[in-house]
Protein backbone atom coordinates (compact mmCIF):
# COMPACT_ATOMS: atom_id res chain seq x y z
CA MET A 1 15.48 123.47 -25.29
CA PRO A 2 13.80 120.29 -26.95
CA GLN A 3 16.60 118.14 -27.99
CA GLU A 4 17.21 117.35 -32.07
CA HIS A 5 16.85 113.70 -33.27
CA ASN A 6 19.17 111.34 -31.87
CA SER A 7 20.05 107.84 -33.17
CA ASP A 8 17.70 106.37 -31.01
CA GLN A 9 14.92 107.26 -32.76
CA TYR A 10 15.13 105.20 -36.11
CA THR A 11 15.25 101.67 -34.88
CA GLN A 12 11.95 100.45 -35.05
CA ILE A 13 11.37 98.38 -38.40
CA ASP A 14 8.51 96.53 -39.98
CA GLY A 15 8.32 92.96 -41.17
CA ASN A 16 10.06 93.80 -44.34
CA GLY A 17 12.90 95.35 -42.86
CA ALA A 18 12.08 99.16 -43.67
CA ASN A 19 11.86 101.92 -41.27
CA LEU A 20 8.40 102.94 -39.51
CA VAL A 21 7.84 106.41 -39.46
CA ILE A 22 4.75 105.93 -37.36
CA ARG A 23 3.56 103.55 -34.88
CA THR A 24 0.71 103.15 -32.63
CA GLU A 25 -0.65 100.84 -30.10
CA ALA A 26 -3.95 100.41 -28.60
CA LEU A 27 -4.64 104.24 -29.02
CA THR A 28 -7.82 105.36 -27.28
CA LYS A 29 -9.11 108.54 -27.13
CA THR A 30 -12.25 109.48 -25.39
CA TYR A 31 -14.14 112.69 -24.68
CA GLN A 32 -16.42 113.55 -21.95
CA LEU A 33 -19.64 115.50 -22.99
CA GLY A 34 -21.52 116.03 -19.79
CA ASP A 35 -22.12 112.67 -17.82
CA GLN A 36 -21.55 110.64 -21.24
CA ALA A 37 -18.14 109.31 -22.48
CA VAL A 38 -17.72 109.51 -26.00
CA TYR A 39 -15.27 106.94 -27.44
CA ALA A 40 -13.59 108.81 -30.23
CA LEU A 41 -10.88 106.11 -30.72
CA ARG A 42 -11.22 102.70 -29.48
CA GLY A 43 -7.35 100.65 -29.41
CA VAL A 44 -6.23 101.73 -32.76
CA GLY A 45 -2.97 100.04 -33.57
CA ILE A 46 -1.68 100.85 -37.17
CA THR A 47 2.17 100.83 -38.22
CA ILE A 48 3.18 103.27 -41.67
CA GLY A 49 6.69 102.87 -43.07
CA GLU A 50 9.02 105.52 -44.74
CA ASN A 51 7.77 106.65 -48.04
CA GLU A 52 4.73 105.02 -47.50
CA TYR A 53 2.00 106.87 -49.19
CA VAL A 54 -1.12 105.94 -46.91
CA ALA A 55 -4.94 107.19 -46.82
CA ILE A 56 -6.94 106.98 -43.84
CA MET A 57 -10.80 106.84 -44.58
CA GLY A 58 -13.81 106.34 -42.93
CA PRO A 59 -17.56 107.55 -42.58
CA SER A 60 -18.32 110.97 -40.68
CA GLY A 61 -17.98 109.87 -36.66
CA SER A 62 -15.17 107.02 -37.55
CA GLY A 63 -12.12 108.36 -35.62
CA LYS A 64 -10.43 109.63 -38.57
CA SER A 65 -10.19 113.62 -37.63
CA THR A 66 -9.03 112.24 -34.38
CA LEU A 67 -6.15 109.67 -35.11
CA MET A 68 -5.20 112.58 -37.80
CA ASN A 69 -4.64 114.57 -34.54
CA LEU A 70 -2.86 112.09 -32.53
CA ILE A 71 -0.68 111.14 -35.84
CA GLY A 72 0.00 114.91 -35.76
CA CYS A 73 0.70 115.70 -32.15
CA LEU A 74 -2.12 117.87 -31.87
CA ASP A 75 -3.74 115.77 -29.40
CA THR A 76 -2.86 113.24 -26.79
CA PRO A 77 -4.30 109.92 -26.37
CA SER A 78 -6.57 108.74 -23.24
CA SER A 79 -4.18 105.56 -23.42
CA GLY A 80 -2.06 103.58 -25.62
CA ASN A 81 1.34 104.70 -27.38
CA TYR A 82 2.61 106.34 -30.24
CA TRP A 83 5.78 106.26 -31.45
CA LEU A 84 7.14 108.79 -34.39
CA ARG A 85 10.27 107.52 -36.06
CA GLY A 86 10.75 105.62 -32.85
CA ARG A 87 10.23 108.06 -30.32
CA LEU A 88 7.19 107.67 -27.82
CA VAL A 89 5.53 111.00 -28.21
CA SER A 90 2.44 110.21 -26.37
CA GLU A 91 4.23 110.76 -23.61
CA LEU A 92 6.02 114.04 -24.08
CA SER A 93 5.01 117.14 -22.61
CA ASP A 94 3.21 120.40 -24.59
CA GLU A 95 6.27 122.17 -25.08
CA GLU A 96 8.45 118.90 -26.65
CA LEU A 97 4.71 117.81 -28.91
CA ALA A 98 5.25 121.66 -30.36
CA HIS A 99 8.64 120.87 -31.12
CA VAL A 100 7.95 117.50 -32.65
CA ARG A 101 5.15 119.54 -34.88
CA ASN A 102 7.19 122.19 -35.72
CA ARG A 103 10.05 119.96 -37.07
CA ASP A 104 8.57 116.48 -37.67
CA ILE A 105 5.12 116.71 -39.13
CA GLY A 106 4.37 119.30 -42.64
CA PHE A 107 0.58 119.80 -42.31
CA VAL A 108 -1.75 120.64 -45.65
CA PHE A 109 -5.46 121.37 -44.75
CA GLN A 110 -8.14 122.30 -46.81
CA THR A 111 -8.37 125.85 -45.85
CA PHE A 112 -4.75 126.83 -46.66
CA HIS A 113 -4.11 129.01 -43.31
CA LEU A 114 -2.01 131.36 -45.10
CA LEU A 115 -0.99 134.86 -43.99
CA PRO A 116 -3.09 137.20 -45.87
CA ARG A 117 -0.98 140.15 -45.98
CA ALA A 118 2.73 137.86 -46.30
CA THR A 119 4.16 137.25 -49.56
CA ALA A 120 4.19 133.38 -50.48
CA LEU A 121 8.31 133.59 -49.50
CA ALA A 122 7.47 134.96 -46.40
CA ASN A 123 4.42 132.30 -45.63
CA VAL A 124 6.72 129.14 -46.20
CA GLU A 125 9.23 130.65 -43.79
CA LEU A 126 7.19 130.76 -41.19
CA PRO A 127 8.12 127.54 -39.39
CA LEU A 128 11.86 128.00 -39.88
CA THR A 129 11.08 131.44 -38.28
CA TYR A 130 9.55 129.68 -35.15
CA ARG A 131 12.60 127.41 -35.45
CA GLY A 132 15.37 130.65 -34.90
CA VAL A 133 16.83 129.55 -38.14
CA PRO A 134 18.24 132.37 -39.54
CA PRO A 135 17.07 135.04 -42.05
CA GLU A 136 19.76 134.27 -44.98
CA LYS A 137 19.45 130.55 -44.78
CA ARG A 138 15.37 130.60 -44.36
CA ARG A 139 15.02 132.47 -47.16
CA GLU A 140 17.15 130.09 -49.48
CA MET A 141 14.97 126.80 -47.68
CA ALA A 142 11.88 128.45 -48.45
CA ALA A 143 12.94 129.42 -51.89
CA ASN A 144 13.76 125.65 -52.38
CA ALA A 145 10.48 124.51 -51.02
CA LEU A 146 8.82 126.64 -53.79
CA GLU A 147 10.33 125.19 -56.42
CA GLN A 148 9.84 121.93 -55.45
CA VAL A 149 6.03 122.97 -55.96
CA GLU A 150 6.63 124.69 -59.32
CA LEU A 151 6.30 128.29 -57.51
CA THR A 152 9.33 129.78 -58.26
CA ASP A 153 7.60 132.48 -59.94
CA ARG A 154 5.07 133.49 -57.35
CA MET A 155 7.28 134.26 -54.65
CA ASP A 156 6.64 137.86 -54.41
CA HIS A 157 2.95 137.61 -54.82
CA ARG A 158 0.28 137.45 -51.75
CA PRO A 159 -2.69 135.13 -51.23
CA ASN A 160 -4.91 137.21 -52.67
CA GLN A 161 -3.11 137.47 -55.73
CA LEU A 162 -3.09 133.80 -56.39
CA SER A 163 -5.28 131.17 -57.54
CA GLY A 164 -6.75 128.27 -55.15
CA GLY A 165 -4.41 125.46 -56.27
CA GLN A 166 -1.18 128.55 -55.84
CA ARG A 167 -2.44 129.19 -52.61
CA GLN A 168 -2.45 124.71 -51.74
CA ARG A 169 1.09 124.89 -53.32
CA VAL A 170 2.35 127.36 -51.39
CA ALA A 171 0.67 125.60 -48.24
CA ILE A 172 2.58 122.30 -49.48
CA ALA A 173 5.61 124.28 -49.44
CA ARG A 174 5.58 125.75 -45.84
CA ALA A 175 4.77 121.85 -45.19
CA LEU A 176 7.54 120.78 -47.03
CA VAL A 177 10.05 123.22 -45.97
CA SER A 178 11.44 121.47 -42.16
CA ASP A 179 11.80 118.51 -44.36
CA PRO A 180 9.30 116.60 -42.11
CA ALA A 181 8.89 112.40 -41.22
CA ILE A 182 5.24 112.98 -42.58
CA LEU A 183 3.42 115.36 -45.07
CA LEU A 184 0.36 115.00 -43.44
CA ALA A 185 -2.57 116.27 -46.06
CA ASP A 186 -6.38 116.53 -44.27
CA GLU A 187 -8.78 116.63 -47.03
CA PRO A 188 -6.36 118.80 -49.09
CA THR A 189 -8.30 119.03 -52.30
CA GLY A 190 -11.52 120.27 -50.21
CA ASN A 191 -11.74 123.81 -51.38
CA LEU A 192 -10.59 123.60 -55.03
CA ASP A 193 -12.51 122.68 -58.42
CA SER A 194 -12.07 118.98 -59.94
CA ARG A 195 -9.32 119.87 -62.41
CA THR A 196 -7.47 121.87 -59.63
CA GLY A 197 -7.98 119.23 -57.22
CA VAL A 198 -6.48 116.31 -59.75
CA GLU A 199 -3.04 118.57 -60.52
CA ILE A 200 -2.48 118.95 -56.25
CA MET A 201 -3.19 115.35 -56.17
CA LYS A 202 -0.45 114.82 -59.11
CA LEU A 203 2.06 116.83 -56.97
CA ILE A 204 1.73 114.96 -53.90
CA GLU A 205 2.43 111.77 -55.68
CA LYS A 206 5.52 113.40 -57.13
CA LEU A 207 6.61 114.49 -53.86
CA HIS A 208 5.96 110.63 -52.45
CA ALA A 209 8.38 109.18 -55.72
CA GLU A 210 11.12 111.86 -54.35
CA GLY A 211 10.85 110.15 -51.02
CA GLN A 212 8.41 111.78 -48.73
CA THR A 213 6.27 109.76 -46.51
CA VAL A 214 2.72 110.90 -47.03
CA VAL A 215 -0.54 110.29 -44.70
CA LEU A 216 -3.92 111.42 -46.41
CA VAL A 217 -6.78 111.95 -44.16
CA THR A 218 -9.94 111.52 -46.64
CA HIS A 219 -13.70 111.08 -47.11
CA ASP A 220 -13.36 110.98 -50.95
CA ARG A 221 -12.46 107.61 -52.60
CA GLU A 222 -11.22 109.66 -55.42
CA VAL A 223 -8.50 111.55 -53.61
CA ALA A 224 -8.09 108.01 -51.59
CA ALA A 225 -7.43 106.02 -54.32
CA HIS A 226 -4.19 108.15 -55.41
CA ALA A 227 -2.56 106.48 -51.96
CA HIS A 228 -0.85 102.86 -51.94
CA ARG A 229 -2.80 101.82 -49.35
CA ILE A 230 -6.03 102.81 -47.54
CA ILE A 231 -6.47 102.20 -43.62
CA TYR A 232 -10.27 102.20 -43.44
CA LEU A 233 -12.17 103.69 -39.68
CA ARG A 234 -15.79 102.73 -38.23
CA ASP A 235 -16.50 103.63 -35.04
CA GLY A 236 -13.16 104.10 -33.83
CA GLN A 237 -11.33 100.96 -34.99
CA VAL A 238 -9.95 100.00 -37.94
CA GLU A 239 -11.91 98.01 -40.16
CA ARG A 240 -9.70 97.09 -42.74
CA ASP A 241 -6.33 97.58 -43.98
CA GLU A 242 -5.76 97.75 -48.05
CA ARG A 243 -2.72 98.07 -50.70
CA LEU A 244 -3.36 98.99 -53.47
CA ARG A 245 0.12 98.79 -55.43
């Protein structure tokens, strides 16, 4: 069974003395399409510290989705290294990566990915079920996560009884329930109207203010502007790294 975190996973620090949650070194990802090699990432090196709020931006084909998949431990690099909380995760087995995904990364997608027949509470409990958390404890943790996203009064509702914004709040609560190292949000407002999208971005800002490290992947400049730092990718490389505040 994979081991829980140990103390040597928290030893990497940045130049300002802050704990590093993410560090990549010369990450590459190459896909083979027939006889042709497609270079999605070409030596990407970034660092993201604890409680940062970072957006990753770039045009279609820039490599941002590939980088998100690597950061989220959904894929492994062709070469290079990736440390998450000081642990070299780029060399882990599939089983170990699955454990890291479930414990350390909270995913938020534009399409919500909720179970249609399950209540909001049951949807939020799901990652804890996979971890073997006892039923009473996971109900308590899921209820607390729904309270964080201001959805306590909708715990027993199913997705088809919720608005798009409420469904995304349930998805965010599910991402938060394991107290992840990273909240990794991929176009979190992509399926929402503009007013609801602003509400969801305000919620993510509130979670960051409460101490959550947030990595936001988007092509939308207005969405990226909510972050405190933007990493721009182009042609599989970091074009620039801009701090907004």
